[in-house]
Amino acid sequence: MLALLLKSLLGAAAVLLIALLSRSQHFFVAGLVPLFPTFALIAHYIVGSERSATDLQTTALFGLCSLLPYAGYLLVVYWLSPRLALAPTLISATLAWFVLAGALLALWNAR
């Protein structure tokens, strides 16, 4: 239960930091906060303590590959933001993330 509380506090702190940064003159730094490896640290700790070093390597490699769907999301936001309203831009970017994440999973499982 304590671990769940700590994870919730980490998430809340990240949201608070994003909100504060988005209102500052350095608003663009808010885009860096979600890339702090909060959840990766948790995942890597769990995998590393319950599985082999090779499994942790595999998890890290898959995490590296998972940057591709995120990059696709960001490219769609960058491209559509001057062309569409905010909601359609974010919906389109999220759909792009799902498509690319699905392709990543299909390719990963096919290897």
Protein backbone atom coordinates (compact mmCIF):
# COMPACT_ATOMS: atom_id res chain seq x y z
CA MET A 1 0.00 0.00 0.00
CA LEU A 2 2.87 2.36 0.78
CA ALA A 3 4.42 1.67 -2.63
CA LEU A 4 1.13 2.62 -4.32
CA LEU A 5 1.00 5.86 -2.33
CA LEU A 6 4.58 6.71 -3.31
CA LYS A 7 3.83 6.06 -7.00
CA SER A 8 0.75 8.29 -6.76
CA LEU A 9 2.80 11.06 -5.14
CA LEU A 10 5.43 10.83 -7.89
CA GLY A 11 2.72 11.16 -10.54
CA ALA A 12 1.12 14.09 -8.74
CA ALA A 13 4.49 15.82 -8.40
CA ALA A 14 5.12 15.42 -12.13
CA VAL A 15 1.71 16.89 -12.99
CA LEU A 16 2.31 19.80 -10.62
CA LEU A 17 5.75 20.45 -12.10
CA ILE A 18 4.31 20.39 -15.65
CA ALA A 19 1.58 22.85 -14.65
CA LEU A 20 4.06 25.22 -13.02
CA LEU A 21 6.53 25.07 -15.90
CA SER A 22 3.81 25.61 -18.51
CA ARG A 23 3.04 28.96 -16.88
CA SER A 24 6.68 30.08 -16.76
CA GLN A 25 8.82 31.80 -19.36
CA HIS A 26 10.46 28.40 -19.87
CA PHE A 27 7.13 26.71 -20.77
CA PHE A 28 8.87 24.39 -23.26
CA VAL A 29 10.66 22.59 -20.40
CA ALA A 30 7.24 21.16 -19.48
CA GLY A 31 7.80 18.82 -22.45
CA LEU A 32 10.87 17.36 -20.75
CA VAL A 33 9.15 16.42 -17.48
CA PRO A 34 7.13 13.48 -18.90
CA LEU A 35 10.41 12.02 -20.13
CA PHE A 36 11.82 11.75 -16.62
CA PRO A 37 12.06 7.99 -16.17
CA THR A 38 9.74 7.77 -13.14
CA PHE A 39 7.81 4.76 -14.40
CA ALA A 40 10.85 3.29 -16.13
CA LEU A 41 12.68 3.31 -12.80
CA ILE A 42 9.77 1.47 -11.20
CA ALA A 43 9.52 -1.03 -14.08
CA HIS A 44 13.27 -1.61 -14.20
CA TYR A 45 13.45 -2.09 -10.45
CA ILE A 46 10.65 -4.66 -10.52
CA VAL A 47 12.01 -6.52 -13.57
CA GLY A 48 15.58 -6.31 -12.25
CA SER A 49 14.66 -7.67 -8.84
CA GLU A 50 12.33 -10.42 -10.08
CA ARG A 51 13.98 -11.55 -13.32
CA SER A 52 17.42 -12.02 -14.87
CA ALA A 53 19.86 -9.35 -16.06
CA THR A 54 19.11 -10.46 -19.62
CA ASP A 55 15.41 -9.80 -19.05
CA LEU A 56 16.27 -6.35 -17.72
CA GLN A 57 18.35 -5.74 -20.86
CA THR A 58 15.40 -6.81 -23.02
CA THR A 59 13.10 -4.48 -21.09
CA ALA A 60 15.54 -1.58 -21.58
CA LEU A 61 15.85 -2.30 -25.31
CA PHE A 62 12.08 -2.42 -25.71
CA GLY A 63 11.86 0.85 -23.77
CA LEU A 64 14.34 2.39 -26.19
CA CYS A 65 12.23 1.20 -29.12
CA SER A 66 9.14 2.64 -27.44
CA LEU A 67 10.56 6.10 -28.11
CA LEU A 68 9.45 5.65 -31.74
CA PRO A 69 5.70 5.85 -30.99
CA TYR A 70 6.37 8.83 -28.73
CA ALA A 71 8.36 10.52 -31.50
CA GLY A 72 5.44 9.86 -33.86
CA TYR A 73 3.07 11.46 -31.35
CA LEU A 74 5.30 14.54 -31.09
CA LEU A 75 5.67 14.84 -34.86
CA VAL A 76 1.89 14.79 -35.31
CA VAL A 77 1.45 17.44 -32.60
CA TYR A 78 4.15 19.57 -34.21
CA TRP A 79 2.65 19.22 -37.69
CA LEU A 80 -1.04 19.59 -36.82
CA SER A 81 -0.89 22.24 -34.08
CA PRO A 82 -0.87 25.21 -36.48
CA ARG A 83 -3.49 23.54 -38.71
CA LEU A 84 -6.12 22.20 -36.30
CA ALA A 85 -7.66 23.07 -32.97
CA LEU A 86 -6.10 21.57 -29.84
CA ALA A 87 -8.51 18.65 -29.33
CA PRO A 88 -8.29 17.25 -32.89
CA THR A 89 -4.52 17.70 -32.81
CA LEU A 90 -4.14 15.73 -29.58
CA ILE A 91 -6.64 13.07 -30.65
CA SER A 92 -4.79 12.59 -33.95
CA ALA A 93 -1.44 12.43 -32.18
CA THR A 94 -2.78 9.89 -29.70
CA LEU A 95 -4.14 7.76 -32.53
CA ALA A 96 -0.73 7.94 -34.22
CA TRP A 97 0.85 6.78 -30.95
CA PHE A 98 -1.55 3.80 -30.78
CA VAL A 99 -0.87 2.83 -34.41
CA LEU A 100 2.90 3.05 -33.94
CA ALA A 101 2.79 1.27 -30.58
CA GLY A 102 0.72 -1.52 -32.16
CA ALA A 103 3.22 -1.79 -35.01
CA LEU A 104 6.09 -1.91 -32.50
CA LEU A 105 4.39 -4.71 -30.55
CA ALA A 106 3.65 -6.65 -33.73
CA LEU A 107 7.25 -6.32 -34.95
CA TRP A 108 8.67 -7.15 -31.52
CA ASN A 109 6.54 -10.28 -31.19
CA ALA A 110 7.35 -11.37 -34.75
CA ARG A 111 11.11 -11.46 -34.13
